[in-house]
Amino acid sequence: MDRRFLTVLGVSLIFALVVSTIFYRMTANSGGQAPKQDLGDLKDVVVAAKPLPVGVNVKPADVKLSKIPGSQFPKGAFSKVEEVIDRPVISNVLADEALLEGRLAPRGSGLGLAPSIPVGMRAVTVRVSDVVGVAGFVLPGLRVDVLVTGRPEGANAETVTTTVLQNILVLSAGQTMQPDNRGSAISAPNVTLLVSPEQAEVLTLAGSEGRIQLVLRNGSDQAIEKTPGTKINALYKSYAKAEPAPAPRPQPRPKVVVAAVVPPAPPAAPPPPPEVIVIRGNQRSVEVVGPRTSN
């Protein structure tokens, strides 16, 4: 075998060995410099032992302690179980997720739906017969518009549908405040909406004086539309018959004035002739004195 070839092969092997040794030491030194977590750097954090839906009160069996590095401790988290016991959940918490202050209501603030109502707002439950576009199904967390159909006063008893509230949050449907695990819709005739006090008055009056119907809308659509409302005649305007022309009114006949014929007055009677009473002895007589007539 050629001696030159052996020399080159030997030098190549030595060079490869040196490079491999240097690379190995560099890798080992990098791994050794990685911060090691000791028990003194870990901190307890309260996490959910199971999914916690909105409206439930946290019980000891619902939570557990978990250790995480102190530098990764979430803002607003709890390190003691006692700090979260009996506090209502106002936002869904997943299993093994840390409980945060913003997801829990103060202790004693109520049960069920009440803790999830923001300060200054109201929850009003209305009975609806249908939700347009989804055949009676609605999910908590969706946003809807509220329509009312009725007969307002001074409108000649004509039925009108108008939009009274827009972009209203659905808090619950029936007795449910969240969809099921499969995300299926919920069929419920009672829907609870989150409204302001003024909107609560409008919603209550609409439910008592007319028929309420909900219209689903895209949650990202925040626009408030101005609609004039729709009257029942507008739905059937293409079928409306032309009104017949009014019949001509009969012209009044001219009045004929008939003058009454007054007969001439009879001539006046001539005055009676003057009379003279003549007494002769015991005789009394009356003589008429008339004008003298010429012979």
Protein backbone atom coordinates (compact mmCIF):
# COMPACT_ATOMS: atom_id res chain seq x y z
CA MET A 1 0.00 0.00 0.00
CA ASP A 2 1.22 3.50 -0.79
CA ARG A 3 2.92 5.13 2.22
CA ARG A 4 1.67 8.56 1.18
CA PHE A 5 -1.94 7.37 1.27
CA LEU A 6 -1.48 5.95 4.73
CA THR A 7 0.00 9.20 5.96
CA VAL A 8 -2.92 11.26 4.66
CA LEU A 9 -5.41 8.81 6.12
CA GLY A 10 -3.74 8.93 9.53
CA VAL A 11 -3.63 12.72 9.60
CA SER A 12 -7.32 12.87 8.61
CA LEU A 13 -8.30 10.52 11.42
CA ILE A 14 -6.32 12.51 13.97
CA PHE A 15 -7.88 15.77 12.76
CA ALA A 16 -11.39 14.29 12.93
CA LEU A 17 -10.74 13.04 16.45
CA VAL A 18 -9.53 16.47 17.59
CA VAL A 19 -12.56 18.22 16.07
CA SER A 20 -14.98 15.74 17.64
CA THR A 21 -13.35 16.20 21.06
CA ILE A 22 -13.61 19.99 20.86
CA PHE A 23 -17.26 19.86 19.74
CA TYR A 24 -18.14 17.44 22.54
CA ARG A 25 -16.55 19.67 25.18
CA MET A 26 -18.37 22.74 23.86
CA THR A 27 -21.69 20.93 23.97
CA ALA A 28 -21.06 19.65 27.48
CA ASN A 29 -20.12 23.09 28.72
CA SER A 30 -23.31 24.61 27.22
CA GLY A 31 -25.48 22.00 28.88
CA GLY A 32 -23.75 22.50 32.18
CA GLN A 33 -24.41 26.24 32.08
CA ALA A 34 -28.20 25.74 31.77
CA PRO A 35 -29.94 26.98 34.94
CA LYS A 36 -30.88 24.12 37.15
CA GLN A 37 -34.16 24.43 39.00
CA ASP A 38 -33.85 23.54 42.59
CA LEU A 39 -36.68 23.18 45.03
CA GLY A 40 -35.96 26.57 46.51
CA ASP A 41 -36.86 28.28 43.17
CA LEU A 42 -40.27 26.59 42.84
CA LYS A 43 -43.54 28.15 44.01
CA ASP A 44 -46.98 26.73 44.72
CA VAL A 45 -49.85 27.77 42.44
CA VAL A 46 -53.52 26.84 42.68
CA VAL A 47 -54.80 25.08 39.54
CA ALA A 48 -58.12 23.50 38.61
CA ALA A 49 -58.36 19.79 39.25
CA LYS A 50 -61.17 19.59 36.66
CA PRO A 51 -62.96 21.96 34.27
CA LEU A 52 -64.86 24.64 36.17
CA PRO A 53 -67.87 26.13 34.35
CA VAL A 54 -69.32 29.57 34.91
CA GLY A 55 -71.53 29.94 37.99
CA VAL A 56 -70.10 27.20 40.22
CA ASN A 57 -68.56 27.88 43.61
CA VAL A 58 -65.02 26.57 44.01
CA LYS A 59 -64.81 23.63 46.42
CA PRO A 60 -61.68 21.99 47.87
CA ALA A 61 -62.10 19.01 45.53
CA ASP A 62 -62.14 21.34 42.50
CA VAL A 63 -58.57 22.62 42.93
CA LYS A 64 -55.08 21.41 43.71
CA LEU A 65 -51.59 22.79 44.22
CA SER A 66 -48.92 22.60 41.56
CA LYS A 67 -45.30 23.75 41.63
CA ILE A 68 -43.90 26.04 38.96
CA PRO A 69 -40.76 28.21 38.75
CA GLY A 70 -41.16 31.47 40.60
CA SER A 71 -40.31 33.43 37.46
CA GLN A 72 -43.29 31.81 35.67
CA PHE A 73 -45.83 32.51 38.41
CA PRO A 74 -48.91 34.00 36.61
CA LYS A 75 -50.02 37.48 37.53
CA GLY A 76 -53.19 37.30 39.63
CA ALA A 77 -52.71 33.63 40.54
CA PHE A 78 -53.10 32.15 44.00
CA SER A 79 -50.61 30.19 46.06
CA LYS A 80 -53.04 29.02 48.76
CA VAL A 81 -56.19 26.92 48.28
CA GLU A 82 -58.00 28.85 51.02
CA GLU A 83 -57.88 31.98 48.87
CA VAL A 84 -60.21 30.50 46.21
CA ILE A 85 -62.60 28.34 48.23
CA ASP A 86 -66.31 29.37 47.95
CA ARG A 87 -65.62 31.98 45.28
CA PRO A 88 -67.92 31.86 42.21
CA VAL A 89 -66.40 31.23 38.79
CA ILE A 90 -67.25 33.97 36.26
CA SER A 91 -65.13 32.64 33.37
CA ASN A 92 -64.59 29.04 32.31
CA VAL A 93 -61.45 27.44 33.74
CA LEU A 94 -59.85 24.39 32.09
CA ALA A 95 -58.35 21.45 33.93
CA ASP A 96 -54.80 22.09 35.20
CA GLU A 97 -55.21 25.79 34.43
CA ALA A 98 -54.16 28.28 37.08
CA LEU A 99 -57.01 30.12 38.77
CA LEU A 100 -56.69 33.87 38.34
CA GLU A 101 -58.30 36.74 40.20
CA GLY A 102 -60.09 37.93 37.07
CA ARG A 103 -61.85 34.57 36.66
CA LEU A 104 -63.37 34.52 40.14
CA ALA A 105 -65.97 36.74 41.78
CA PRO A 106 -65.60 37.95 45.37
CA ARG A 107 -66.67 35.52 48.04
CA GLY A 108 -70.35 36.01 48.98
CA SER A 109 -71.25 37.84 45.76
CA GLY A 110 -73.94 35.29 44.92
CA LEU A 111 -74.52 32.00 43.20
CA GLY A 112 -75.11 30.91 39.66
CA LEU A 113 -75.56 33.73 37.18
CA ALA A 114 -75.34 36.70 39.57
CA PRO A 115 -71.52 36.87 39.88
CA SER A 116 -71.11 37.08 36.11
CA ILE A 117 -73.22 40.26 35.87
CA PRO A 118 -70.92 43.31 35.68
CA VAL A 119 -71.54 46.18 38.05
CA GLY A 120 -74.11 48.58 36.58
CA MET A 121 -75.63 45.97 34.27
CA ARG A 122 -78.73 43.79 34.56
CA ALA A 123 -79.72 40.27 33.49
CA VAL A 124 -83.23 40.01 32.02
CA THR A 125 -84.84 36.73 31.02
CA VAL A 126 -87.25 36.82 28.09
CA ARG A 127 -89.39 34.13 26.52
CA VAL A 128 -88.89 33.75 22.79
CA SER A 129 -90.53 31.49 20.24
CA ASP A 130 -87.70 31.41 17.72
CA VAL A 131 -84.22 32.65 16.94
CA VAL A 132 -84.01 33.69 13.32
CA GLY A 133 -81.61 31.62 11.21
CA VAL A 134 -80.99 28.81 13.73
CA ALA A 135 -84.46 27.34 14.21
CA GLY A 136 -84.77 27.99 17.91
CA PHE A 137 -81.19 27.25 18.98
CA VAL A 138 -78.97 29.72 20.80
CA LEU A 139 -75.65 29.57 22.65
CA PRO A 140 -74.52 31.57 25.68
CA GLY A 141 -71.89 34.09 24.69
CA LEU A 142 -73.48 34.94 21.34
CA ARG A 143 -74.80 38.39 20.52
CA VAL A 144 -78.29 39.11 19.27
CA ASP A 145 -80.62 41.91 18.21
CA VAL A 146 -84.08 42.15 19.77
CA LEU A 147 -87.11 42.69 17.53
CA VAL A 148 -90.63 43.35 18.72
CA THR A 149 -93.86 42.98 16.75
CA GLY A 150 -97.01 44.71 17.88
CA ARG A 151 -99.62 47.35 17.18
CA PRO A 152 -98.58 50.78 18.43
CA GLU A 153 -101.17 53.32 19.40
CA GLY A 154 -102.11 55.89 16.79
CA ALA A 155 -101.15 53.61 13.87
CA ASN A 156 -104.69 52.63 12.85
CA ALA A 157 -104.16 49.18 14.45
CA GLU A 158 -101.52 48.28 11.83
CA THR A 159 -98.98 45.63 12.85
CA VAL A 160 -95.37 46.88 12.95
CA THR A 161 -92.03 45.10 13.51
CA THR A 162 -89.10 47.18 14.72
CA THR A 163 -85.63 46.64 16.19
CA VAL A 164 -85.54 47.88 19.79
CA LEU A 165 -82.12 46.60 20.99
CA GLN A 166 -78.92 45.69 19.17
CA ASN A 167 -75.67 43.84 19.97
CA ILE A 168 -76.95 42.28 23.21
CA LEU A 169 -74.92 39.53 24.94
CA VAL A 170 -76.64 36.21 25.73
CA LEU A 171 -75.76 35.15 29.27
CA SER A 172 -77.68 31.90 29.39
CA ALA A 173 -80.22 29.81 27.53
CA GLY A 174 -82.77 28.15 29.75
CA GLN A 175 -80.88 26.87 32.81
CA THR A 176 -77.57 26.64 30.96
CA MET A 177 -74.85 29.29 31.13
CA GLN A 178 -72.45 27.58 28.73
CA PRO A 179 -72.59 25.12 25.82
CA ASP A 180 -72.07 21.45 26.46
CA ASN A 181 -68.71 19.68 26.03
CA ARG A 182 -69.40 19.07 22.35
CA GLY A 183 -70.28 22.71 21.70
CA SER A 184 -73.81 21.80 20.67
CA ALA A 185 -76.53 24.43 20.55
CA ILE A 186 -79.21 24.57 23.21
CA SER A 187 -82.93 24.63 22.50
CA ALA A 188 -84.54 26.85 25.11
CA PRO A 189 -87.58 29.14 25.09
CA ASN A 190 -86.07 31.29 27.86
CA VAL A 191 -83.01 33.38 27.11
CA THR A 192 -81.23 35.65 29.61
CA LEU A 193 -79.69 38.80 28.15
CA LEU A 194 -77.15 41.22 29.62
CA VAL A 195 -78.52 44.77 29.34
CA SER A 196 -78.29 48.19 30.95
CA PRO A 197 -81.08 49.37 33.29
CA GLU A 198 -82.62 51.46 30.47
CA GLN A 199 -82.50 48.51 28.09
CA ALA A 200 -84.10 46.32 30.76
CA GLU A 201 -87.10 48.65 30.78
CA VAL A 202 -87.36 48.55 26.99
CA LEU A 203 -87.10 44.76 26.95
CA THR A 204 -89.72 44.30 29.66
CA LEU A 205 -92.19 46.62 27.95
CA ALA A 206 -91.59 44.94 24.58
CA GLY A 207 -92.31 41.54 26.10
CA SER A 208 -95.56 42.67 27.71
CA GLU A 209 -96.94 44.72 24.82
CA GLY A 210 -95.74 42.74 21.80
CA ARG A 211 -94.02 39.56 20.60
CA ILE A 212 -90.23 39.36 21.01
CA GLN A 213 -87.92 37.67 18.53
CA LEU A 214 -84.12 37.41 18.57
CA VAL A 215 -81.83 37.77 15.57
CA LEU A 216 -78.33 36.31 15.77
CA ARG A 217 -75.43 38.50 14.67
CA ASN A 218 -71.67 38.14 14.20
CA GLY A 219 -69.82 38.76 17.44
CA SER A 220 -67.28 40.97 15.64
CA ASP A 221 -70.01 43.17 14.19
CA GLN A 222 -70.37 46.10 16.57
CA ALA A 223 -72.30 48.41 14.22
CA ILE A 224 -75.64 49.84 15.36
CA GLU A 225 -78.04 50.10 12.43
CA LYS A 226 -80.87 52.61 12.22
CA THR A 227 -83.96 50.89 10.86
CA PRO A 228 -87.35 52.55 10.31
CA GLY A 229 -89.36 49.43 11.11
CA THR A 230 -91.62 47.50 8.77
CA LYS A 231 -95.41 47.70 8.57
CA ILE A 232 -97.59 44.85 7.42
CA ASN A 233 -98.76 46.74 4.32
CA ALA A 234 -95.14 46.94 3.14
CA LEU A 235 -94.97 43.12 2.96
CA TYR A 236 -97.90 42.88 0.55
CA LYS A 237 -97.43 46.03 -1.49
CA SER A 238 -96.93 44.04 -4.71
CA TYR A 239 -100.30 42.34 -4.17
CA ALA A 240 -102.23 45.42 -3.20
CA LYS A 241 -105.16 46.17 -5.54
CA ALA A 242 -105.50 49.58 -7.05
CA GLU A 243 -108.11 51.56 -5.29
CA PRO A 244 -111.19 52.14 -7.51
CA ALA A 245 -111.70 55.65 -8.74
CA PRO A 246 -114.29 57.44 -6.68
CA ALA A 247 -117.72 57.65 -8.30
CA PRO A 248 -118.60 61.10 -9.61
CA ARG A 249 -120.67 63.01 -7.21
CA PRO A 250 -124.11 64.02 -8.53
CA GLN A 251 -124.33 67.67 -9.38
CA PRO A 252 -126.91 69.53 -7.33
CA ARG A 253 -129.99 70.61 -9.24
CA PRO A 254 -130.42 74.35 -9.68
CA LYS A 255 -132.92 75.79 -7.33
CA VAL A 256 -136.05 77.28 -8.93
CA VAL A 257 -137.52 80.17 -7.06
CA VAL A 258 -141.27 80.51 -7.70
CA ALA A 259 -142.60 83.95 -6.98
CA ALA A 260 -145.94 83.92 -5.22
CA VAL A 261 -148.78 85.85 -7.00
CA VAL A 262 -150.32 88.20 -4.52
CA PRO A 263 -153.94 89.22 -5.46
CA PRO A 264 -154.63 92.94 -5.35
CA ALA A 265 -156.12 94.24 -2.20
CA PRO A 266 -159.88 94.98 -2.39
CA PRO A 267 -160.74 98.67 -2.63
CA ALA A 268 -161.37 100.39 0.61
CA ALA A 269 -165.01 100.81 1.60
CA PRO A 270 -166.32 104.39 1.29
CA PRO A 271 -166.74 106.18 4.52
CA PRO A 272 -170.27 106.22 5.92
CA PRO A 273 -172.25 109.42 5.17
CA PRO A 274 -172.72 111.84 8.02
CA GLU A 275 -175.93 111.39 9.98
CA VAL A 276 -178.08 113.97 11.78
CA ILE A 277 -180.47 113.12 14.59
CA VAL A 278 -183.73 115.15 14.36
CA ILE A 279 -186.13 115.31 17.36
CA ARG A 280 -189.62 116.63 16.72
CA GLY A 281 -191.71 116.65 19.82
CA ASN A 282 -191.58 113.21 21.13
CA GLN A 283 -190.33 111.74 17.84
CA ARG A 284 -186.73 111.06 17.13
CA SER A 285 -185.34 110.39 13.67
CA VAL A 286 -181.98 110.07 11.98
CA GLU A 287 -181.40 111.71 8.67
CA VAL A 288 -178.43 111.20 6.40
CA VAL A 289 -176.80 114.29 5.12
CA GLY A 290 -175.31 113.66 1.73
CA PRO A 291 -173.65 115.88 -0.83
CA ARG A 292 -175.88 117.78 -3.09
CA THR A 293 -176.29 116.39 -6.55
CA SER A 294 -176.97 118.71 -9.48
CA ASN A 295 -180.11 118.09 -11.53
